[in-house]
Amino acid sequence: MKPSPAKFELHSEEFLGRLMRRQLRLSVACAVAFLVALLGLPLLNYFFPEAMARRVLGFTLSWFILGVLFFPLVWVIAWTFIRRSIALEEAEVTEVSPPSGEPGS
């Protein structure tokens, strides 16, 4: 029988294992978002060549996406990963830390 989350001690195997599983899920989600963006552009070029050849601000849509939109998208994915990872760590610590009025805090 597994102990309840409130009974985990900070830095115990259970605590670290649960945190690592949650961060792994977050990592996989961010990696999938990146791969969709990375592989999506060649697929768009292959399946919709006329649309990707349209001009946007002097560039073809394909080059506009690659040269202007891709790097901010990667930055947003990285920023989201960092923010969510920190939030996961803080939530885990809050769950296992005793309330401020109890001994040991």
PDB file of N, CA and C in Angstrom:
ATOM      1  N   MET A   1       0.849  -1.178   0.000  1.00  0.00           N
ATOM      2  CA  MET A   1       0.000   0.000   0.000  1.00  0.00           C
ATOM      3  C   MET A   1       0.892   1.239   0.000  1.00  0.00           C
ATOM      4  N   LYS A   2       0.590   2.181  -0.900  1.00  0.00           N
ATOM      5  CA  LYS A   2       1.401   3.383  -1.015  1.00  0.00           C
ATOM      6  C   LYS A   2       1.020   4.389   0.061  1.00  0.00           C
ATOM      7  N   PRO A   3       1.984   5.108   0.611  1.00  0.00           N
ATOM      8  CA  PRO A   3       1.654   6.152   1.564  1.00  0.00           C
ATOM      9  C   PRO A   3       0.970   7.303   0.846  1.00  0.00           C
ATOM     10  N   SER A   4       0.160   8.024   1.586  1.00  0.00           N
ATOM     11  CA  SER A   4      -0.516   9.178   0.983  1.00  0.00           C
ATOM     12  C   SER A   4       0.525  10.249   0.687  1.00  0.00           C
ATOM     13  N   PRO A   5       0.260  11.131  -0.314  1.00  0.00           N
ATOM     14  CA  PRO A   5       1.233  12.161  -0.666  1.00  0.00           C
ATOM     15  C   PRO A   5       1.649  13.021   0.516  1.00  0.00           C
ATOM     16  N   ALA A   6       0.760  13.231   1.484  1.00  0.00           N
ATOM     17  CA  ALA A   6       1.076  14.073   2.633  1.00  0.00           C
ATOM     18  C   ALA A   6       2.124  13.412   3.533  1.00  0.00           C
ATOM     19  N   LYS A   7       2.283  12.074   3.435  1.00  0.00           N
ATOM     20  CA  LYS A   7       3.225  11.375   4.295  1.00  0.00           C
ATOM     21  C   LYS A   7       4.614  11.277   3.667  1.00  0.00           C
ATOM     22  N   PHE A   8       4.770  11.734   2.409  1.00  0.00           N
ATOM     23  CA  PHE A   8       6.094  11.726   1.784  1.00  0.00           C
ATOM     24  C   PHE A   8       6.989  12.708   2.512  1.00  0.00           C
ATOM     25  N   GLU A   9       8.226  12.318   2.692  1.00  0.00           N
ATOM     26  CA  GLU A   9       9.207  13.232   3.252  1.00  0.00           C
ATOM     27  C   GLU A   9       9.945  13.911   2.118  1.00  0.00           C
ATOM     28  N   LEU A  10      10.324  15.147   2.359  1.00  0.00           N
ATOM     29  CA  LEU A  10      11.065  15.896   1.358  1.00  0.00           C
ATOM     30  C   LEU A  10      12.351  15.143   1.030  1.00  0.00           C
ATOM     31  N   HIS A  11      12.631  14.940  -0.228  1.00  0.00           N
ATOM     32  CA  HIS A  11      13.814  14.255  -0.753  1.00  0.00           C
ATOM     33  C   HIS A  11      13.797  12.753  -0.508  1.00  0.00           C
ATOM     34  N   SER A  12      12.647  12.183  -0.159  1.00  0.00           N
ATOM     35  CA  SER A  12      12.553  10.729  -0.062  1.00  0.00           C
ATOM     36  C   SER A  12      12.479  10.162  -1.481  1.00  0.00           C
ATOM     37  N   GLU A  13      12.663   8.872  -1.610  1.00  0.00           N
ATOM     38  CA  GLU A  13      12.588   8.220  -2.920  1.00  0.00           C
ATOM     39  C   GLU A  13      11.221   8.430  -3.556  1.00  0.00           C
ATOM     40  N   GLU A  14      10.152   8.324  -2.767  1.00  0.00           N
ATOM     41  CA  GLU A  14       8.800   8.490  -3.290  1.00  0.00           C
ATOM     42  C   GLU A  14       8.587   9.911  -3.796  1.00  0.00           C
ATOM     43  N   PHE A  15       9.027  10.867  -3.006  1.00  0.00           N
ATOM     44  CA  PHE A  15       8.886  12.279  -3.378  1.00  0.00           C
ATOM     45  C   PHE A  15       9.618  12.560  -4.683  1.00  0.00           C
ATOM     46  N   LEU A  16      10.890  12.163  -4.750  1.00  0.00           N
ATOM     47  CA  LEU A  16      11.690  12.436  -5.945  1.00  0.00           C
ATOM     48  C   LEU A  16      11.174  11.664  -7.151  1.00  0.00           C
ATOM     49  N   GLY A  17      10.739  10.440  -6.945  1.00  0.00           N
ATOM     50  CA  GLY A  17      10.195   9.644  -8.051  1.00  0.00           C
ATOM     51  C   GLY A  17       8.943  10.269  -8.639  1.00  0.00           C
ATOM     52  N   ARG A  18       8.046  10.720  -7.778  1.00  0.00           N
ATOM     53  CA  ARG A  18       6.809  11.351  -8.261  1.00  0.00           C
ATOM     54  C   ARG A  18       7.110  12.655  -8.978  1.00  0.00           C
ATOM     55  N   LEU A  19       8.012  13.445  -8.434  1.00  0.00           N
ATOM     56  CA  LEU A  19       8.392  14.704  -9.072  1.00  0.00           C
ATOM     57  C   LEU A  19       9.039  14.441 -10.435  1.00  0.00           C
ATOM     58  N   MET A  20       9.914  13.449 -10.494  1.00  0.00           N
ATOM     59  CA  MET A  20      10.582  13.133 -11.759  1.00  0.00           C
ATOM     60  C   MET A  20       9.596  12.624 -12.807  1.00  0.00           C
ATOM     61  N   ARG A  21       8.595  11.844 -12.397  1.00  0.00           N
ATOM     62  CA  ARG A  21       7.574  11.383 -13.353  1.00  0.00           C
ATOM     63  C   ARG A  21       6.770  12.552 -13.902  1.00  0.00           C
ATOM     64  N   ARG A  22       6.402  13.481 -13.039  1.00  0.00           N
ATOM     65  CA  ARG A  22       5.652  14.655 -13.502  1.00  0.00           C
ATOM     66  C   ARG A  22       6.497  15.516 -14.431  1.00  0.00           C
ATOM     67  N   GLN A  23       7.768  15.676 -14.106  1.00  0.00           N
ATOM     68  CA  GLN A  23       8.635  16.475 -14.974  1.00  0.00           C
ATOM     69  C   GLN A  23       8.916  15.740 -16.285  1.00  0.00           C
ATOM     70  N   LEU A  24       8.943  14.428 -16.264  1.00  0.00           N
ATOM     71  CA  LEU A  24       9.112  13.664 -17.500  1.00  0.00           C
ATOM     72  C   LEU A  24       7.911  13.881 -18.422  1.00  0.00           C
ATOM     73  N   ARG A  25       6.708  13.840 -17.865  1.00  0.00           N
ATOM     74  CA  ARG A  25       5.514  14.096 -18.679  1.00  0.00           C
ATOM     75  C   ARG A  25       5.572  15.491 -19.295  1.00  0.00           C
ATOM     76  N   LEU A  26       6.002  16.481 -18.507  1.00  0.00           N
ATOM     77  CA  LEU A  26       6.148  17.843 -19.010  1.00  0.00           C
ATOM     78  C   LEU A  26       7.202  17.892 -20.111  1.00  0.00           C
ATOM     79  N   SER A  27       8.323  17.228 -19.923  1.00  0.00           N
ATOM     80  CA  SER A  27       9.394  17.197 -20.924  1.00  0.00           C
ATOM     81  C   SER A  27       8.907  16.573 -22.228  1.00  0.00           C
ATOM     82  N   VAL A  28       8.183  15.484 -22.125  1.00  0.00           N
ATOM     83  CA  VAL A  28       7.668  14.815 -23.326  1.00  0.00           C
ATOM     84  C   VAL A  28       6.678  15.721 -24.051  1.00  0.00           C
ATOM     85  N   ALA A  29       5.816  16.392 -23.305  1.00  0.00           N
ATOM     86  CA  ALA A  29       4.848  17.304 -23.936  1.00  0.00           C
ATOM     87  C   ALA A  29       5.557  18.437 -24.670  1.00  0.00           C
ATOM     88  N   CYS A  30       6.581  19.000 -24.061  1.00  0.00           N
ATOM     89  CA  CYS A  30       7.342  20.081 -24.719  1.00  0.00           C
ATOM     90  C   CYS A  30       8.102  19.552 -25.926  1.00  0.00           C
ATOM     91  N   ALA A  31       8.663  18.359 -25.820  1.00  0.00           N
ATOM     92  CA  ALA A  31       9.380  17.766 -26.950  1.00  0.00           C
ATOM     93  C   ALA A  31       8.429  17.489 -28.109  1.00  0.00           C
ATOM     94  N   VAL A  32       7.226  17.022 -27.809  1.00  0.00           N
ATOM     95  CA  VAL A  32       6.233  16.772 -28.859  1.00  0.00           C
ATOM     96  C   VAL A  32       5.848  18.088 -29.535  1.00  0.00           C
ATOM     97  N   ALA A  33       5.642  19.148 -28.754  1.00  0.00           N
ATOM     98  CA  ALA A  33       5.320  20.449 -29.348  1.00  0.00           C
ATOM     99  C   ALA A  33       6.439  20.915 -30.271  1.00  0.00           C
ATOM    100  N   PHE A  34       7.696  20.734 -29.852  1.00  0.00           N
ATOM    101  CA  PHE A  34       8.827  21.121 -30.685  1.00  0.00           C
ATOM    102  C   PHE A  34       8.879  20.281 -31.959  1.00  0.00           C
ATOM    103  N   LEU A  35       8.689  18.973 -31.836  1.00  0.00           N
ATOM    104  CA  LEU A  35       8.743  18.103 -33.012  1.00  0.00           C
ATOM    105  C   LEU A  35       7.620  18.399 -33.994  1.00  0.00           C
ATOM    106  N   VAL A  36       6.446  18.727 -33.485  1.00  0.00           N
ATOM    107  CA  VAL A  36       5.335  19.111 -34.372  1.00  0.00           C
ATOM    108  C   VAL A  36       5.722  20.354 -35.165  1.00  0.00           C
ATOM    109  N   ALA A  37       6.319  21.335 -34.495  1.00  0.00           N
ATOM    110  CA  ALA A  37       6.753  22.550 -35.191  1.00  0.00           C
ATOM    111  C   ALA A  37       7.874  22.238 -36.173  1.00  0.00           C
ATOM    112  N   LEU A  38       8.830  21.416 -35.761  1.00  0.00           N
ATOM    113  CA  LEU A  38       9.985  21.112 -36.604  1.00  0.00           C
ATOM    114  C   LEU A  38       9.603  20.295 -37.826  1.00  0.00           C
ATOM    115  N   LEU A  39       8.772  19.287 -37.641  1.00  0.00           N
ATOM    116  CA  LEU A  39       8.369  18.431 -38.755  1.00  0.00           C
ATOM    117  C   LEU A  39       7.164  18.969 -39.510  1.00  0.00           C
ATOM    118  N   GLY A  40       6.446  19.884 -38.891  1.00  0.00           N
ATOM    119  CA  GLY A  40       5.252  20.436 -39.529  1.00  0.00           C
ATOM    120  C   GLY A  40       5.567  21.289 -40.744  1.00  0.00           C
ATOM    121  N   LEU A  41       6.645  22.054 -40.688  1.00  0.00           N
ATOM    122  CA  LEU A  41       6.980  22.933 -41.809  1.00  0.00           C
ATOM    123  C   LEU A  41       7.285  22.148 -43.090  1.00  0.00           C
ATOM    124  N   PRO A  42       8.132  21.132 -43.053  1.00  0.00           N
ATOM    125  CA  PRO A  42       8.331  20.360 -44.292  1.00  0.00           C
ATOM    126  C   PRO A  42       7.046  19.692 -44.782  1.00  0.00           C
ATOM    127  N   LEU A  43       6.217  19.227 -43.848  1.00  0.00           N
ATOM    128  CA  LEU A  43       4.953  18.609 -44.255  1.00  0.00           C
ATOM    129  C   LEU A  43       4.020  19.635 -44.893  1.00  0.00           C
ATOM    130  N   LEU A  44       3.978  20.842 -44.337  1.00  0.00           N
ATOM    131  CA  LEU A  44       3.171  21.897 -44.951  1.00  0.00           C
ATOM    132  C   LEU A  44       3.686  22.224 -46.346  1.00  0.00           C
ATOM    133  N   ASN A  45       5.000  22.288 -46.507  1.00  0.00           N
ATOM    134  CA  ASN A  45       5.584  22.543 -47.826  1.00  0.00           C
ATOM    135  C   ASN A  45       5.241  21.435 -48.816  1.00  0.00           C
ATOM    136  N   TYR A  46       5.210  20.213 -48.349  1.00  0.00           N
ATOM    137  CA  TYR A  46       4.933  19.082 -49.234  1.00  0.00           C
ATOM    138  C   TYR A  46       3.457  19.026 -49.633  1.00  0.00           C
ATOM    139  N   PHE A  47       2.567  19.168 -48.644  1.00  0.00           N
ATOM    140  CA  PHE A  47       1.142  19.007 -48.918  1.00  0.00           C
ATOM    141  C   PHE A  47       0.449  20.279 -49.414  1.00  0.00           C
ATOM    142  N   PHE A  48       0.986  21.441 -49.104  1.00  0.00           N
ATOM    143  CA  PHE A  48       0.367  22.711 -49.502  1.00  0.00           C
ATOM    144  C   PHE A  48       1.393  23.653 -50.134  1.00  0.00           C
ATOM    145  N   PRO A  49       2.017  23.257 -51.239  1.00  0.00           N
ATOM    146  CA  PRO A  49       3.078  24.084 -51.811  1.00  0.00           C
ATOM    147  C   PRO A  49       2.588  25.453 -52.290  1.00  0.00           C
ATOM    148  N   GLU A  50       1.367  25.520 -52.804  1.00  0.00           N
ATOM    149  CA  GLU A  50       0.856  26.810 -53.282  1.00  0.00           C
ATOM    150  C   GLU A  50       0.669  27.780 -52.122  1.00  0.00           C
ATOM    151  N   ALA A  51       0.107  27.310 -51.036  1.00  0.00           N
ATOM    152  CA  ALA A  51      -0.116  28.180 -49.873  1.00  0.00           C
ATOM    153  C   ALA A  51       1.205  28.618 -49.264  1.00  0.00           C
ATOM    154  N   MET A  52       2.176  27.722 -49.203  1.00  0.00           N
ATOM    155  CA  MET A  52       3.466  28.047 -48.595  1.00  0.00           C
ATOM    156  C   MET A  52       4.309  28.959 -49.487  1.00  0.00           C
ATOM    157  N   ALA A  53       3.941  29.065 -50.786  1.00  0.00           N
ATOM    158  CA  ALA A  53       4.666  29.945 -51.702  1.00  0.00           C
ATOM    159  C   ALA A  53       4.109  31.372 -51.690  1.00  0.00           C
ATOM    160  N   ARG A  54       3.006  31.600 -50.996  1.00  0.00           N
ATOM    161  CA  ARG A  54       2.438  32.962 -50.913  1.00  0.00           C
ATOM    162  C   ARG A  54       3.432  33.899 -50.252  1.00  0.00           C
ATOM    163  N   ARG A  55       3.358  35.157 -50.643  1.00  0.00           N
ATOM    164  CA  ARG A  55       4.251  36.176 -50.087  1.00  0.00           C
ATOM    165  C   ARG A  55       3.641  36.799 -48.837  1.00  0.00           C
ATOM    166  N   VAL A  56       4.453  36.902 -47.783  1.00  0.00           N
ATOM    167  CA  VAL A  56       4.072  37.551 -46.534  1.00  0.00           C
ATOM    168  C   VAL A  56       5.222  38.464 -46.143  1.00  0.00           C
ATOM    169  N   LEU A  57       4.984  39.759 -46.152  1.00  0.00           N
ATOM    170  CA  LEU A  57       5.995  40.751 -45.792  1.00  0.00           C
ATOM    171  C   LEU A  57       7.298  40.568 -46.588  1.00  0.00           C
ATOM    172  N   GLY A  58       7.165  40.224 -47.859  1.00  0.00           N
ATOM    173  CA  GLY A  58       8.328  40.076 -48.722  1.00  0.00           C
ATOM    174  C   GLY A  58       8.960  38.697 -48.718  1.00  0.00           C
ATOM    175  N   PHE A  59       8.498  37.794 -47.886  1.00  0.00           N
ATOM    176  CA  PHE A  59       9.022  36.433 -47.807  1.00  0.00           C
ATOM    177  C   PHE A  59       7.942  35.471 -48.269  1.00  0.00           C
ATOM    178  N   THR A  60       8.359  34.292 -48.694  1.00  0.00           N
ATOM    179  CA  THR A  60       7.351  33.249 -48.886  1.00  0.00           C
ATOM    180  C   THR A  60       6.880  32.837 -47.483  1.00  0.00           C
ATOM    181  N   LEU A  61       5.673  32.318 -47.421  1.00  0.00           N
ATOM    182  CA  LEU A  61       5.135  31.916 -46.110  1.00  0.00           C
ATOM    183  C   LEU A  61       6.054  30.904 -45.437  1.00  0.00           C
ATOM    184  N   SER A  62       6.629  30.009 -46.216  1.00  0.00           N
ATOM    185  CA  SER A  62       7.537  29.006 -45.670  1.00  0.00           C
ATOM    186  C   SER A  62       8.733  29.663 -44.965  1.00  0.00           C
ATOM    187  N   TRP A  63       9.366  30.611 -45.625  1.00  0.00           N
ATOM    188  CA  TRP A  63      10.517  31.289 -45.029  1.00  0.00           C
ATOM    189  C   TRP A  63      10.093  32.211 -43.889  1.00  0.00           C
ATOM    190  N   PHE A  64       8.912  32.779 -43.977  1.00  0.00           N
ATOM    191  CA  PHE A  64       8.419  33.629 -42.889  1.00  0.00           C
ATOM    192  C   PHE A  64       8.243  32.804 -41.614  1.00  0.00           C
ATOM    193  N   ILE A  65       7.641  31.636 -41.767  1.00  0.00           N
ATOM    194  CA  ILE A  65       7.461  30.756 -40.602  1.00  0.00           C
ATOM    195  C   ILE A  65       8.820  30.327 -40.054  1.00  0.00           C
ATOM    196  N   LEU A  66       9.712  29.902 -40.945  1.00  0.00           N
ATOM    197  CA  LEU A  66      11.019  29.413 -40.511  1.00  0.00           C
ATOM    198  C   LEU A  66      11.890  30.518 -39.931  1.00  0.00           C
ATOM    199  N   GLY A  67      11.935  31.661 -40.596  1.00  0.00           N
ATOM    200  CA  GLY A  67      12.856  32.720 -40.188  1.00  0.00           C
ATOM    201  C   GLY A  67      12.341  33.664 -39.134  1.00  0.00           C
ATOM    202  N   VAL A  68      11.020  33.830 -39.054  1.00  0.00           N
ATOM    203  CA  VAL A  68      10.471  34.822 -38.133  1.00  0.00           C
ATOM    204  C   VAL A  68       9.691  34.177 -36.991  1.00  0.00           C
ATOM    205  N   LEU A  69       8.895  33.184 -37.277  1.00  0.00           N
ATOM    206  CA  LEU A  69       8.010  32.626 -36.246  1.00  0.00           C
ATOM    207  C   LEU A  69       8.592  31.441 -35.483  1.00  0.00           C
ATOM    208  N   PHE A  70       9.538  30.723 -36.078  1.00  0.00           N
ATOM    209  CA  PHE A  70      10.019  29.494 -35.451  1.00  0.00           C
ATOM    210  C   PHE A  70      10.764  29.758 -34.146  1.00  0.00           C
ATOM    211  N   PHE A  71      11.653  30.732 -34.132  1.00  0.00           N
ATOM    212  CA  PHE A  71      12.452  30.982 -32.925  1.00  0.00           C
ATOM    213  C   PHE A  71      11.609  31.496 -31.755  1.00  0.00           C
ATOM    214  N   PRO A  72      10.671  32.416 -31.985  1.00  0.00           N
ATOM    215  CA  PRO A  72       9.792  32.776 -30.860  1.00  0.00           C
ATOM    216  C   PRO A  72       8.972  31.585 -30.354  1.00  0.00           C
ATOM    217  N   LEU A  73       8.556  30.697 -31.254  1.00  0.00           N
ATOM    218  CA  LEU A  73       7.815  29.514 -30.822  1.00  0.00           C
ATOM    219  C   LEU A  73       8.681  28.626 -29.935  1.00  0.00           C
ATOM    220  N   VAL A  74       9.923  28.418 -30.328  1.00  0.00           N
ATOM    221  CA  VAL A  74      10.836  27.609 -29.512  1.00  0.00           C
ATOM    222  C   VAL A  74      11.072  28.284 -28.170  1.00  0.00           C
ATOM    223  N   TRP A  75      11.195  29.602 -28.165  1.00  0.00           N
ATOM    224  CA  TRP A  75      11.374  30.338 -26.917  1.00  0.00           C
ATOM    225  C   TRP A  75      10.167  30.150 -26.009  1.00  0.00           C
ATOM    226  N   VAL A  76       8.969  30.207 -26.569  1.00  0.00           N
ATOM    227  CA  VAL A  76       7.745  30.019 -25.771  1.00  0.00           C
ATOM    228  C   VAL A  76       7.689  28.602 -25.199  1.00  0.00           C
ATOM    229  N   ILE A  77       8.072  27.619 -25.978  1.00  0.00           N
ATOM    230  CA  ILE A  77       8.100  26.237 -25.478  1.00  0.00           C
ATOM    231  C   ILE A  77       9.081  26.118 -24.320  1.00  0.00           C
ATOM    232  N   ALA A  78      10.263  26.691 -24.457  1.00  0.00           N
ATOM    233  CA  ALA A  78      11.271  26.633 -23.393  1.00  0.00           C
ATOM    234  C   ALA A  78      10.801  27.383 -22.152  1.00  0.00           C
ATOM    235  N   TRP A  79      10.230  28.567 -22.341  1.00  0.00           N
ATOM    236  CA  TRP A  79       9.732  29.377 -21.223  1.00  0.00           C
ATOM    237  C   TRP A  79       8.628  28.629 -20.487  1.00  0.00           C
ATOM    238  N   THR A  80       7.725  28.009 -21.245  1.00  0.00           N
ATOM    239  CA  THR A  80       6.636  27.231 -20.637  1.00  0.00           C
ATOM    240  C   THR A  80       7.200  26.065 -19.833  1.00  0.00           C
ATOM    241  N   PHE A  81       8.193  25.373 -20.395  1.00  0.00           N
ATOM    242  CA  PHE A  81       8.799  24.245 -19.686  1.00  0.00           C
ATOM    243  C   PHE A  81       9.399  24.696 -18.361  1.00  0.00           C
ATOM    244  N   ILE A  82      10.160  25.778 -18.389  1.00  0.00           N
ATOM    245  CA  ILE A  82      10.819  26.254 -17.168  1.00  0.00           C
ATOM    246  C   ILE A  82       9.787  26.661 -16.125  1.00  0.00           C
ATOM    247  N   ARG A  83       8.791  27.446 -16.530  1.00  0.00           N
ATOM    248  CA  ARG A  83       7.759  27.898 -15.588  1.00  0.00           C
ATOM    249  C   ARG A  83       6.990  26.730 -14.988  1.00  0.00           C
ATOM    250  N   ARG A  84       6.571  25.783 -15.822  1.00  0.00           N
ATOM    251  CA  ARG A  84       5.798  24.644 -15.330  1.00  0.00           C
ATOM    252  C   ARG A  84       6.653  23.729 -14.460  1.00  0.00           C
ATOM    253  N   SER A  85       7.926  23.573 -14.806  1.00  0.00           N
ATOM    254  CA  SER A  85       8.819  22.734 -14.011  1.00  0.00           C
ATOM    255  C   SER A  85       9.003  23.329 -12.615  1.00  0.00           C
ATOM    256  N   ILE A  86       9.216  24.613 -12.545  1.00  0.00           N
ATOM    257  CA  ILE A  86       9.354  25.283 -11.245  1.00  0.00           C
ATOM    258  C   ILE A  86       8.053  25.162 -10.453  1.00  0.00           C
ATOM    259  N   ALA A  87       6.924  25.338 -11.128  1.00  0.00           N
ATOM    260  CA  ALA A  87       5.633  25.212 -10.448  1.00  0.00           C
ATOM    261  C   ALA A  87       5.418  23.798  -9.923  1.00  0.00           C
ATOM    262  N   LEU A  88       5.830  22.783 -10.683  1.00  0.00           N
ATOM    263  CA  LEU A  88       5.717  21.399 -10.211  1.00  0.00           C
ATOM    264  C   LEU A  88       6.550  21.184  -8.954  1.00  0.00           C
ATOM    265  N   GLU A  89       7.785  21.685  -8.959  1.00  0.00           N
ATOM    266  CA  GLU A  89       8.652  21.536  -7.790  1.00  0.00           C
ATOM    267  C   GLU A  89       8.057  22.231  -6.572  1.00  0.00           C
ATOM    268  N   GLU A  90       7.557  23.443  -6.769  1.00  0.00           N
ATOM    269  CA  GLU A  90       6.970  24.181  -5.645  1.00  0.00           C
ATOM    270  C   GLU A  90       5.718  23.492  -5.118  1.00  0.00           C
ATOM    271  N   ALA A  91       4.898  22.946  -6.008  1.00  0.00           N
ATOM    272  CA  ALA A  91       3.688  22.246  -5.578  1.00  0.00           C
ATOM    273  C   ALA A  91       4.041  20.990  -4.787  1.00  0.00           C
ATOM    274  N   GLU A  92       5.051  20.263  -5.246  1.00  0.00           N
ATOM    275  CA  GLU A  92       5.466  19.057  -4.519  1.00  0.00           C
ATOM    276  C   GLU A  92       5.993  19.409  -3.133  1.00  0.00           C
ATOM    277  N   VAL A  93       6.808  20.441  -3.041  1.00  0.00           N
ATOM    278  CA  VAL A  93       7.362  20.844  -1.751  1.00  0.00           C
ATOM    279  C   VAL A  93       6.247  21.299  -0.817  1.00  0.00           C
ATOM    280  N   THR A  94       5.288  22.038  -1.358  1.00  0.00           N
ATOM    281  CA  THR A  94       4.163  22.509  -0.544  1.00  0.00           C
ATOM    282  C   THR A  94       3.351  21.335  -0.010  1.00  0.00           C
ATOM    283  N   GLU A  95       3.182  20.287  -0.836  1.00  0.00           N
ATOM    284  CA  GLU A  95       2.411  19.115  -0.406  1.00  0.00           C
ATOM    285  C   GLU A  95       3.076  18.372   0.747  1.00  0.00           C
ATOM    286  N   VAL A  96       4.409  18.285   0.738  1.00  0.00           N
ATOM    287  CA  VAL A  96       5.072  17.484   1.765  1.00  0.00           C
ATOM    288  C   VAL A  96       5.552  18.295   2.954  1.00  0.00           C
ATOM    289  N   SER A  97       5.574  19.611   2.839  1.00  0.00           N
ATOM    290  CA  SER A  97       6.033  20.453   3.952  1.00  0.00           C
ATOM    291  C   SER A  97       4.937  20.560   4.989  1.00  0.00           C
ATOM    292  N   PRO A  98       5.306  20.474   6.274  1.00  0.00           N
ATOM    293  CA  PRO A  98       4.292  20.626   7.318  1.00  0.00           C
ATOM    294  C   PRO A  98       3.823  22.079   7.356  1.00  0.00           C
ATOM    295  N   PRO A  99       2.563  22.317   7.770  1.00  0.00           N
ATOM    296  CA  PRO A  99       2.099  23.696   7.915  1.00  0.00           C
ATOM    297  C   PRO A  99       3.004  24.464   8.866  1.00  0.00           C
ATOM    298  N   SER A 100       3.066  25.782   8.728  1.00  0.00           N
ATOM    299  CA  SER A 100       4.027  26.599   9.473  1.00  0.00           C
ATOM    300  C   SER A 100       3.824  26.530  10.980  1.00  0.00           C
ATOM    301  N   GLY A 101       2.664  26.130  11.465  1.00  0.00           N
ATOM    302  CA  GLY A 101       2.425  26.064  12.894  1.00  0.00           C
ATOM    303  C   GLY A 101       2.888  24.761  13.526  1.00  0.00           C
ATOM    304  N   GLU A 102       3.191  23.743  12.702  1.00  0.00           N
ATOM    305  CA  GLU A 102       3.576  22.439  13.246  1.00  0.00           C
ATOM    306  C   GLU A 102       5.078  22.366  13.490  1.00  0.00           C
ATOM    307  N   PRO A 103       5.494  21.486  14.391  1.00  0.00           N
ATOM    308  CA  PRO A 103       6.923  21.298  14.620  1.00  0.00           C
ATOM    309  C   PRO A 103       7.621  20.788  13.359  1.00  0.00           C
ATOM    310  N   GLY A 104       8.853  21.184  13.207  1.00  0.00           N
ATOM    311  CA  GLY A 104       9.623  20.736  12.058  1.00  0.00           C
ATOM    312  C   GLY A 104       9.558  21.714  10.910  1.00  0.00           C
ATOM    313  N   SER A 105       8.854  22.834  11.056  1.00  0.00           N
ATOM    314  CA  SER A 105       8.783  23.797   9.968  1.00  0.00           C
ATOM    315  C   SER A 105       9.733  24.931  10.183  1.00  0.00           C
TER     316      SER A 105
END
